[in-house]
N, C-alpha and C. Protein backbone atom coordinates (compact mmCIF):
# COMPACT_ATOMS: atom_id res chain seq x y z
N MET A 1 89.54 -200.52 -9.06
CA MET A 1 88.79 -199.87 -7.99
C MET A 1 88.37 -200.94 -6.99
N SER A 2 88.62 -200.69 -5.71
CA SER A 2 88.28 -201.65 -4.67
C SER A 2 86.77 -201.68 -4.41
N ILE A 3 86.33 -202.71 -3.72
CA ILE A 3 84.91 -202.81 -3.34
C ILE A 3 84.51 -201.59 -2.50
N LEU A 4 85.40 -201.18 -1.59
CA LEU A 4 85.12 -200.02 -0.74
C LEU A 4 84.94 -198.76 -1.59
N GLU A 5 85.83 -198.57 -2.55
CA GLU A 5 85.73 -197.40 -3.44
C GLU A 5 84.47 -197.47 -4.30
N GLN A 6 84.15 -198.65 -4.78
CA GLN A 6 82.93 -198.82 -5.58
C GLN A 6 81.69 -198.50 -4.74
N TRP A 7 81.66 -199.04 -3.52
CA TRP A 7 80.50 -198.79 -2.65
C TRP A 7 80.39 -197.30 -2.32
N THR A 8 81.51 -196.68 -1.96
CA THR A 8 81.49 -195.26 -1.60
C THR A 8 80.99 -194.40 -2.76
N ALA A 9 81.44 -194.71 -3.97
CA ALA A 9 80.98 -193.97 -5.14
C ALA A 9 79.49 -194.19 -5.38
N ALA A 10 79.03 -195.44 -5.27
CA ALA A 10 77.61 -195.74 -5.49
C ALA A 10 76.74 -195.11 -4.41
N ALA A 11 77.17 -195.22 -3.16
CA ALA A 11 76.40 -194.62 -2.06
C ALA A 11 76.36 -193.11 -2.18
N GLY A 12 77.49 -192.51 -2.51
CA GLY A 12 77.54 -191.06 -2.71
C GLY A 12 76.59 -190.62 -3.82
N SER A 13 76.61 -191.35 -4.92
CA SER A 13 75.72 -191.04 -6.04
C SER A 13 74.25 -191.19 -5.64
N ALA A 14 73.93 -192.27 -4.93
CA ALA A 14 72.55 -192.50 -4.49
C ALA A 14 72.06 -191.40 -3.55
N LEU A 15 72.99 -190.79 -2.83
CA LEU A 15 72.64 -189.72 -1.88
C LEU A 15 72.73 -188.33 -2.52
N GLY A 16 72.98 -188.29 -3.82
CA GLY A 16 73.04 -187.01 -4.52
C GLY A 16 74.35 -186.27 -4.34
N LEU A 17 75.41 -186.99 -3.97
CA LEU A 17 76.73 -186.40 -3.80
C LEU A 17 77.57 -186.63 -5.04
N ASP A 18 78.76 -186.07 -5.06
CA ASP A 18 79.68 -186.34 -6.15
C ASP A 18 79.96 -187.83 -6.23
N PRO A 19 80.31 -188.33 -7.41
CA PRO A 19 80.58 -189.77 -7.54
C PRO A 19 81.70 -190.27 -6.64
N ASN A 20 82.65 -189.43 -6.33
CA ASN A 20 83.74 -189.80 -5.41
C ASN A 20 83.75 -188.78 -4.28
N PRO A 21 82.83 -188.94 -3.32
CA PRO A 21 82.66 -187.91 -2.30
C PRO A 21 83.80 -187.81 -1.30
N LEU A 22 84.61 -188.87 -1.16
CA LEU A 22 85.70 -188.85 -0.19
C LEU A 22 87.04 -189.09 -0.86
N SER A 23 88.03 -188.32 -0.45
CA SER A 23 89.39 -188.58 -0.90
C SER A 23 89.93 -189.78 -0.13
N THR A 24 91.07 -190.27 -0.54
CA THR A 24 91.71 -191.38 0.18
C THR A 24 92.03 -190.97 1.62
N VAL A 25 92.49 -189.75 1.82
CA VAL A 25 92.82 -189.25 3.16
C VAL A 25 91.55 -189.16 4.01
N GLU A 26 90.47 -188.67 3.43
CA GLU A 26 89.21 -188.56 4.18
C GLU A 26 88.67 -189.94 4.53
N THR A 27 88.73 -190.87 3.59
CA THR A 27 88.28 -192.23 3.86
C THR A 27 89.06 -192.82 5.01
N LYS A 28 90.38 -192.66 5.01
CA LYS A 28 91.22 -193.19 6.08
C LYS A 28 90.86 -192.56 7.42
N ALA A 29 90.62 -191.26 7.44
CA ALA A 29 90.27 -190.58 8.69
C ALA A 29 88.97 -191.14 9.27
N VAL A 30 87.96 -191.32 8.43
CA VAL A 30 86.68 -191.84 8.90
C VAL A 30 86.83 -193.29 9.38
N LEU A 31 87.52 -194.12 8.59
CA LEU A 31 87.71 -195.52 8.97
C LEU A 31 88.54 -195.65 10.25
N ASP A 32 89.56 -194.82 10.39
CA ASP A 32 90.40 -194.89 11.59
C ASP A 32 89.60 -194.55 12.84
N VAL A 33 88.87 -193.45 12.80
CA VAL A 33 88.14 -193.04 14.00
C VAL A 33 87.00 -194.01 14.32
N THR A 34 86.30 -194.50 13.30
CA THR A 34 85.21 -195.43 13.59
C THR A 34 85.74 -196.78 14.06
N GLY A 35 86.90 -197.18 13.57
CA GLY A 35 87.53 -198.41 14.06
C GLY A 35 87.93 -198.26 15.52
N ASP A 36 88.50 -197.11 15.86
CA ASP A 36 88.87 -196.85 17.25
C ASP A 36 87.63 -196.85 18.15
N VAL A 37 86.55 -196.24 17.70
CA VAL A 37 85.31 -196.19 18.47
C VAL A 37 84.76 -197.60 18.67
N ALA A 38 84.78 -198.40 17.61
CA ALA A 38 84.26 -199.76 17.69
C ALA A 38 85.00 -200.57 18.75
N HIS A 39 86.30 -200.36 18.86
CA HIS A 39 87.10 -201.12 19.82
C HIS A 39 87.11 -200.51 21.22
N ALA A 40 87.09 -199.20 21.32
CA ALA A 40 87.20 -198.53 22.61
C ALA A 40 85.86 -198.29 23.29
N VAL A 41 84.79 -198.20 22.53
CA VAL A 41 83.48 -197.89 23.09
C VAL A 41 82.58 -199.11 22.92
N ALA A 42 82.07 -199.31 21.72
CA ALA A 42 81.23 -200.46 21.39
C ALA A 42 81.04 -200.47 19.89
N ARG A 43 80.92 -201.65 19.32
CA ARG A 43 80.77 -201.76 17.87
C ARG A 43 79.60 -200.92 17.34
N PRO A 44 78.43 -200.95 17.98
CA PRO A 44 77.32 -200.15 17.45
C PRO A 44 77.58 -198.64 17.49
N ALA A 45 78.55 -198.21 18.29
CA ALA A 45 78.87 -196.79 18.37
C ALA A 45 79.59 -196.30 17.11
N ALA A 46 80.22 -197.21 16.37
CA ALA A 46 80.99 -196.81 15.18
C ALA A 46 80.12 -196.19 14.09
N PRO A 47 79.04 -196.86 13.64
CA PRO A 47 78.24 -196.22 12.59
C PRO A 47 77.53 -194.96 13.08
N LEU A 48 77.15 -194.95 14.35
CA LEU A 48 76.52 -193.74 14.88
C LEU A 48 77.51 -192.58 14.92
N THR A 49 78.75 -192.89 15.26
CA THR A 49 79.79 -191.86 15.26
C THR A 49 80.04 -191.36 13.84
N ALA A 50 80.04 -192.26 12.87
CA ALA A 50 80.22 -191.86 11.48
C ALA A 50 79.09 -190.91 11.05
N TYR A 51 77.88 -191.23 11.47
CA TYR A 51 76.75 -190.35 11.15
C TYR A 51 76.93 -188.98 11.80
N LEU A 52 77.26 -188.98 13.08
CA LEU A 52 77.47 -187.70 13.78
C LEU A 52 78.60 -186.91 13.15
N LEU A 53 79.64 -187.60 12.73
CA LEU A 53 80.76 -186.95 12.05
C LEU A 53 80.28 -186.28 10.77
N GLY A 54 79.45 -186.98 10.00
CA GLY A 54 78.90 -186.40 8.78
C GLY A 54 78.02 -185.20 9.04
N VAL A 55 77.21 -185.28 10.08
CA VAL A 55 76.36 -184.14 10.43
C VAL A 55 77.22 -182.94 10.81
N ALA A 56 78.25 -183.18 11.62
CA ALA A 56 79.14 -182.08 12.05
C ALA A 56 79.84 -181.44 10.86
N VAL A 57 80.34 -182.27 9.95
CA VAL A 57 81.02 -181.74 8.77
C VAL A 57 80.01 -181.00 7.88
N GLY A 58 78.82 -181.54 7.77
CA GLY A 58 77.78 -180.88 6.99
C GLY A 58 77.39 -179.52 7.55
N ARG A 59 77.58 -179.37 8.84
CA ARG A 59 77.26 -178.09 9.50
C ARG A 59 78.45 -177.15 9.55
N GLY A 60 79.57 -177.54 8.93
CA GLY A 60 80.68 -176.61 8.80
C GLY A 60 81.97 -176.97 9.50
N LEU A 61 81.98 -177.99 10.35
CA LEU A 61 83.22 -178.41 10.99
C LEU A 61 84.08 -179.11 9.94
N THR A 62 85.36 -178.86 9.93
CA THR A 62 86.21 -179.54 8.95
C THR A 62 86.45 -180.98 9.41
N LEU A 63 86.66 -181.86 8.45
CA LEU A 63 86.93 -183.26 8.80
C LEU A 63 88.18 -183.39 9.67
N PRO A 64 89.30 -182.72 9.35
CA PRO A 64 90.47 -182.85 10.22
C PRO A 64 90.21 -182.36 11.65
N ASP A 65 89.38 -181.35 11.81
CA ASP A 65 89.06 -180.88 13.16
C ASP A 65 88.20 -181.90 13.89
N ALA A 66 87.27 -182.51 13.17
CA ALA A 66 86.36 -183.47 13.78
C ALA A 66 87.03 -184.81 14.03
N ALA A 67 87.67 -185.36 13.00
CA ALA A 67 88.37 -186.64 13.08
C ALA A 67 89.59 -186.54 12.19
N PRO A 68 90.74 -186.62 12.71
CA PRO A 68 91.12 -187.17 14.00
C PRO A 68 91.08 -186.19 15.16
N GLY A 69 90.77 -184.95 14.94
CA GLY A 69 90.79 -183.94 16.00
C GLY A 69 89.96 -184.24 17.22
N ARG A 70 88.77 -183.73 17.26
CA ARG A 70 87.93 -183.79 18.46
C ARG A 70 87.59 -185.20 18.90
N LEU A 71 87.25 -186.06 17.95
CA LEU A 71 86.85 -187.42 18.32
C LEU A 71 88.03 -188.21 18.86
N THR A 72 89.21 -188.02 18.30
CA THR A 72 90.39 -188.71 18.81
C THR A 72 90.72 -188.23 20.22
N ARG A 73 90.60 -186.93 20.46
CA ARG A 73 90.83 -186.41 21.82
C ARG A 73 89.81 -186.99 22.80
N LEU A 74 88.56 -187.11 22.36
CA LEU A 74 87.52 -187.69 23.20
C LEU A 74 87.85 -189.15 23.54
N LEU A 75 88.29 -189.90 22.55
CA LEU A 75 88.66 -191.30 22.78
C LEU A 75 89.86 -191.41 23.73
N ARG A 76 90.85 -190.56 23.55
CA ARG A 76 92.02 -190.57 24.45
C ARG A 76 91.59 -190.26 25.88
N ALA A 77 90.73 -189.29 26.06
CA ALA A 77 90.26 -188.95 27.41
C ALA A 77 89.49 -190.11 28.01
N ARG A 78 88.68 -190.79 27.19
CA ARG A 78 87.93 -191.96 27.67
C ARG A 78 88.88 -193.07 28.11
N ARG A 79 89.90 -193.33 27.30
CA ARG A 79 90.89 -194.37 27.65
C ARG A 79 91.64 -193.99 28.92
N HIS A 80 91.98 -192.72 29.04
CA HIS A 80 92.71 -192.26 30.23
C HIS A 80 91.85 -192.45 31.48
N ARG A 81 90.58 -192.06 31.42
CA ARG A 81 89.68 -192.25 32.57
C ARG A 81 89.54 -193.73 32.90
N ALA A 82 89.43 -194.56 31.87
CA ALA A 82 89.26 -196.00 32.10
C ALA A 82 90.52 -196.59 32.73
N SER A 83 91.68 -196.14 32.31
CA SER A 83 92.92 -196.69 32.86
C SER A 83 93.13 -196.25 34.30
N ARG A 84 92.60 -195.09 34.67
CA ARG A 84 92.74 -194.60 36.04
C ARG A 84 91.76 -195.30 36.97
N SER A 85 90.67 -195.84 36.42
CA SER A 85 89.67 -196.47 37.27
C SER A 85 89.94 -197.95 37.52
N VAL A 86 90.95 -198.49 36.84
CA VAL A 86 91.31 -199.90 37.04
C VAL A 86 92.08 -200.04 38.33
N VAL A 87 91.59 -200.92 39.19
CA VAL A 87 92.25 -201.15 40.48
C VAL A 87 93.15 -202.37 40.33
N PRO A 88 94.46 -202.22 40.66
CA PRO A 88 95.39 -203.36 40.52
C PRO A 88 95.14 -204.45 41.54
């Protein structure tokens, strides 16, 4: 078991969740979107985005709809706007 898997299991347990609250696919989705946010927006935006993602999923949005779905579309739109505002 990797350090990441150990931490996720321990944190999930401490928060009253199942011992393995995230599947490998779910872990990858969260890490991918937060990595993209850290690079495209700002590093401090990554953990805040992860929190917002958790709140949205807790309120009924599915993880695939939220990330990579909505958040990835938001990041693409942000990149597109930024690329259009660059003056050569």
